[in-house]
Amino acid sequence: MKKSYISRVKHKIFPWIRNWSDSMDKFRYETDVNKLSQKEWFWLHPSAYKLILYGSPIITITTMILLGLFLVSKGVTALAILPLLLIVSSAWDLIKKLKKKSLNKDTTMYDIYMREEAK
């Protein structure tokens, strides 16, 4: 996602927001995410950001393990080194993200792509 594109269309995504420097804590600390719409959950709740942040390397690792096992079962072990490199890279990325877990505890997609600096 390009931040410049989102900053142009954010008024269409959330037409009711007037103050783009607001922290949106009402949504951020909502304990029952079923009360939120899908759009509100994705942009304004930390669980969506965590799902994307940690889920992408986990999906890559899982996919590459399956690809590596498939290649080994077909007898193409030399080619199975490529998925192994991606597994190591993604695992390293996941470890780095987990080390910074406390910094990303309450971060949302809104904070990264839509929120403006307070004036």
C-alpha atoms as a PDB file:
ATOM      1  CA  MET A   1       0.000   0.000   0.000  1.00  0.00           C
ATOM      2  CA  LYS A   2       1.224   3.427  -0.856  1.00  0.00           C
ATOM      3  CA  LYS A   3       0.814   5.963   1.905  1.00  0.00           C
ATOM      4  CA  SER A   4       0.266   8.751  -0.627  1.00  0.00           C
ATOM      5  CA  TYR A   5      -2.625   6.879  -2.253  1.00  0.00           C
ATOM      6  CA  ILE A   6      -4.242   6.117   1.108  1.00  0.00           C
ATOM      7  CA  SER A   7      -3.881   9.720   2.232  1.00  0.00           C
ATOM      8  CA  ARG A   8      -5.843  10.760  -0.876  1.00  0.00           C
ATOM      9  CA  VAL A   9      -8.680   8.275  -0.379  1.00  0.00           C
ATOM     10  CA  LYS A  10      -8.862   8.120   3.424  1.00  0.00           C
ATOM     11  CA  HIS A  11     -11.766  10.598   3.404  1.00  0.00           C
ATOM     12  CA  LYS A  12     -13.723   8.114   1.298  1.00  0.00           C
ATOM     13  CA  ILE A  13     -12.837   5.209   3.594  1.00  0.00           C
ATOM     14  CA  PHE A  14     -13.852   7.043   6.776  1.00  0.00           C
ATOM     15  CA  PRO A  15     -16.005  10.063   5.855  1.00  0.00           C
ATOM     16  CA  TRP A  16     -17.010  10.567   9.508  1.00  0.00           C
ATOM     17  CA  ILE A  17     -13.460  11.269  10.715  1.00  0.00           C
ATOM     18  CA  ARG A  18     -12.770  15.004  10.890  1.00  0.00           C
ATOM     19  CA  ASN A  19      -9.621  15.049  13.025  1.00  0.00           C
ATOM     20  CA  TRP A  20      -6.994  12.799  11.377  1.00  0.00           C
ATOM     21  CA  SER A  21      -4.559  13.330  14.248  1.00  0.00           C
ATOM     22  CA  ASP A  22      -6.936  11.660  16.725  1.00  0.00           C
ATOM     23  CA  SER A  23      -5.598   8.415  18.196  1.00  0.00           C
ATOM     24  CA  MET A  24      -8.925   6.570  17.761  1.00  0.00           C
ATOM     25  CA  ASP A  25      -8.509   4.922  21.161  1.00  0.00           C
ATOM     26  CA  LYS A  26     -12.221   4.122  21.238  1.00  0.00           C
ATOM     27  CA  PHE A  27     -11.557   1.496  18.553  1.00  0.00           C
ATOM     28  CA  ARG A  28      -7.979   0.646  19.520  1.00  0.00           C
ATOM     29  CA  TYR A  29      -8.930  -0.616  22.978  1.00  0.00           C
ATOM     30  CA  GLU A  30     -12.234  -2.249  22.045  1.00  0.00           C
ATOM     31  CA  THR A  31     -12.229  -5.692  23.648  1.00  0.00           C
ATOM     32  CA  ASP A  32     -15.118  -7.096  21.603  1.00  0.00           C
ATOM     33  CA  VAL A  33     -14.010  -6.785  17.991  1.00  0.00           C
ATOM     34  CA  ASN A  34     -17.349  -8.204  16.855  1.00  0.00           C
ATOM     35  CA  LYS A  35     -18.802  -4.755  17.570  1.00  0.00           C
ATOM     36  CA  LEU A  36     -16.555  -3.259  14.878  1.00  0.00           C
ATOM     37  CA  SER A  37     -17.252  -3.347  11.179  1.00  0.00           C
ATOM     38  CA  GLN A  38     -14.684  -5.099   9.005  1.00  0.00           C
ATOM     39  CA  LYS A  39     -13.321  -1.757   7.832  1.00  0.00           C
ATOM     40  CA  GLU A  40     -13.046  -0.395  11.384  1.00  0.00           C
ATOM     41  CA  TRP A  41     -11.356  -3.570  12.582  1.00  0.00           C
ATOM     42  CA  PHE A  42      -8.819  -3.596   9.730  1.00  0.00           C
ATOM     43  CA  TRP A  43      -7.799   0.044  10.022  1.00  0.00           C
ATOM     44  CA  LEU A  44      -8.388   0.897  13.681  1.00  0.00           C
ATOM     45  CA  HIS A  45      -7.716  -2.232  15.782  1.00  0.00           C
ATOM     46  CA  PRO A  46      -4.218  -3.532  16.678  1.00  0.00           C
ATOM     47  CA  SER A  47      -5.155  -7.181  16.087  1.00  0.00           C
ATOM     48  CA  ALA A  48      -5.406  -6.581  12.320  1.00  0.00           C
ATOM     49  CA  TYR A  49      -1.947  -5.021  12.218  1.00  0.00           C
ATOM     50  CA  LYS A  50      -0.510  -7.913  14.232  1.00  0.00           C
ATOM     51  CA  LEU A  51      -2.188 -10.426  11.931  1.00  0.00           C
ATOM     52  CA  ILE A  52      -0.500  -8.901   8.901  1.00  0.00           C
ATOM     53  CA  LEU A  53       2.816  -8.186  10.622  1.00  0.00           C
ATOM     54  CA  TYR A  54       3.339 -11.676  12.034  1.00  0.00           C
ATOM     55  CA  GLY A  55       1.167 -13.624   9.615  1.00  0.00           C
ATOM     56  CA  SER A  56       3.063 -12.799   6.441  1.00  0.00           C
ATOM     57  CA  PRO A  57       6.372 -14.438   7.490  1.00  0.00           C
ATOM     58  CA  ILE A  58       4.490 -17.386   9.008  1.00  0.00           C
ATOM     59  CA  ILE A  59       2.599 -17.985   5.757  1.00  0.00           C
ATOM     60  CA  THR A  60       5.846 -17.691   3.787  1.00  0.00           C
ATOM     61  CA  ILE A  61       7.597 -20.186   6.067  1.00  0.00           C
ATOM     62  CA  THR A  62       4.702 -22.646   5.846  1.00  0.00           C
ATOM     63  CA  THR A  63       4.446 -22.371   2.068  1.00  0.00           C
ATOM     64  CA  MET A  64       8.181 -22.763   1.543  1.00  0.00           C
ATOM     65  CA  ILE A  65       8.321 -25.799   3.855  1.00  0.00           C
ATOM     66  CA  LEU A  66       5.580 -27.432   1.786  1.00  0.00           C
ATOM     67  CA  LEU A  67       7.347 -26.516  -1.453  1.00  0.00           C
ATOM     68  CA  GLY A  68      10.649 -27.859  -0.128  1.00  0.00           C
ATOM     69  CA  LEU A  69       9.044 -31.126   0.943  1.00  0.00           C
ATOM     70  CA  PHE A  70       7.396 -31.440  -2.461  1.00  0.00           C
ATOM     71  CA  LEU A  71      10.691 -30.870  -4.255  1.00  0.00           C
ATOM     72  CA  VAL A  72      12.503 -33.389  -2.040  1.00  0.00           C
ATOM     73  CA  SER A  73       9.747 -35.965  -2.634  1.00  0.00           C
ATOM     74  CA  LYS A  74      10.166 -35.476  -6.388  1.00  0.00           C
ATOM     75  CA  GLY A  75      13.925 -36.018  -6.058  1.00  0.00           C
ATOM     76  CA  VAL A  76      14.950 -32.467  -6.944  1.00  0.00           C
ATOM     77  CA  THR A  77      16.904 -31.839  -3.746  1.00  0.00           C
ATOM     78  CA  ALA A  78      19.261 -29.310  -5.318  1.00  0.00           C
ATOM     79  CA  LEU A  79      16.308 -27.063  -6.149  1.00  0.00           C
ATOM     80  CA  ALA A  80      14.953 -27.461  -2.602  1.00  0.00           C
ATOM     81  CA  ILE A  81      17.738 -25.146  -1.404  1.00  0.00           C
ATOM     82  CA  LEU A  82      15.853 -22.097  -2.743  1.00  0.00           C
ATOM     83  CA  PRO A  83      12.832 -22.556  -0.458  1.00  0.00           C
ATOM     84  CA  LEU A  84      15.237 -23.242   2.402  1.00  0.00           C
ATOM     85  CA  LEU A  85      16.834 -19.825   1.865  1.00  0.00           C
ATOM     86  CA  LEU A  86      13.420 -18.168   1.956  1.00  0.00           C
ATOM     87  CA  ILE A  87      12.536 -20.115   5.110  1.00  0.00           C
ATOM     88  CA  VAL A  88      15.680 -18.880   6.856  1.00  0.00           C
ATOM     89  CA  SER A  89      15.100 -15.306   5.682  1.00  0.00           C
ATOM     90  CA  SER A  90      11.459 -15.297   6.785  1.00  0.00           C
ATOM     91  CA  ALA A  91      12.296 -16.921  10.119  1.00  0.00           C
ATOM     92  CA  TRP A  92      14.921 -14.251  10.753  1.00  0.00           C
ATOM     93  CA  ASP A  93      12.382 -11.556   9.869  1.00  0.00           C
ATOM     94  CA  LEU A  94       9.818 -13.096  12.227  1.00  0.00           C
ATOM     95  CA  ILE A  95      12.361 -13.279  15.062  1.00  0.00           C
ATOM     96  CA  LYS A  96      13.247  -9.605  14.598  1.00  0.00           C
ATOM     97  CA  LYS A  97       9.562  -8.654  14.647  1.00  0.00           C
ATOM     98  CA  LEU A  98       8.929 -10.715  17.776  1.00  0.00           C
ATOM     99  CA  LYS A  99      11.823  -9.005  19.542  1.00  0.00           C
ATOM    100  CA  LYS A 100      10.130  -5.651  18.864  1.00  0.00           C
ATOM    101  CA  LYS A 101       6.718  -6.973  19.931  1.00  0.00           C
ATOM    102  CA  SER A 102       6.317  -4.545  22.809  1.00  0.00           C
ATOM    103  CA  LEU A 103       6.878  -1.575  20.481  1.00  0.00           C
ATOM    104  CA  ASN A 104       4.087  -2.698  18.144  1.00  0.00           C
ATOM    105  CA  LYS A 105       1.634  -3.614  20.887  1.00  0.00           C
ATOM    106  CA  ASP A 106      -0.958  -0.926  20.118  1.00  0.00           C
ATOM    107  CA  THR A 107      -0.024   0.002  16.553  1.00  0.00           C
ATOM    108  CA  THR A 108      -2.799   0.055  13.963  1.00  0.00           C
ATOM    109  CA  MET A 109      -2.942   0.403  10.195  1.00  0.00           C
ATOM    110  CA  TYR A 110      -4.561   3.806  10.780  1.00  0.00           C
ATOM    111  CA  ASP A 111      -1.454   4.949  12.694  1.00  0.00           C
ATOM    112  CA  ILE A 112       0.858   3.955   9.868  1.00  0.00           C
ATOM    113  CA  TYR A 113      -1.114   4.988   6.787  1.00  0.00           C
ATOM    114  CA  MET A 114      -3.754   7.555   7.757  1.00  0.00           C
ATOM    115  CA  ARG A 115      -2.917   9.358  10.958  1.00  0.00           C
ATOM    116  CA  GLU A 116      -1.565  12.872  10.619  1.00  0.00           C
ATOM    117  CA  GLU A 117       0.759  14.673  12.990  1.00  0.00           C
ATOM    118  CA  ALA A 118      -0.997  16.811  15.604  1.00  0.00           C
ATOM    119  CA  LYS A 119      -0.775  20.478  14.765  1.00  0.00           C
END
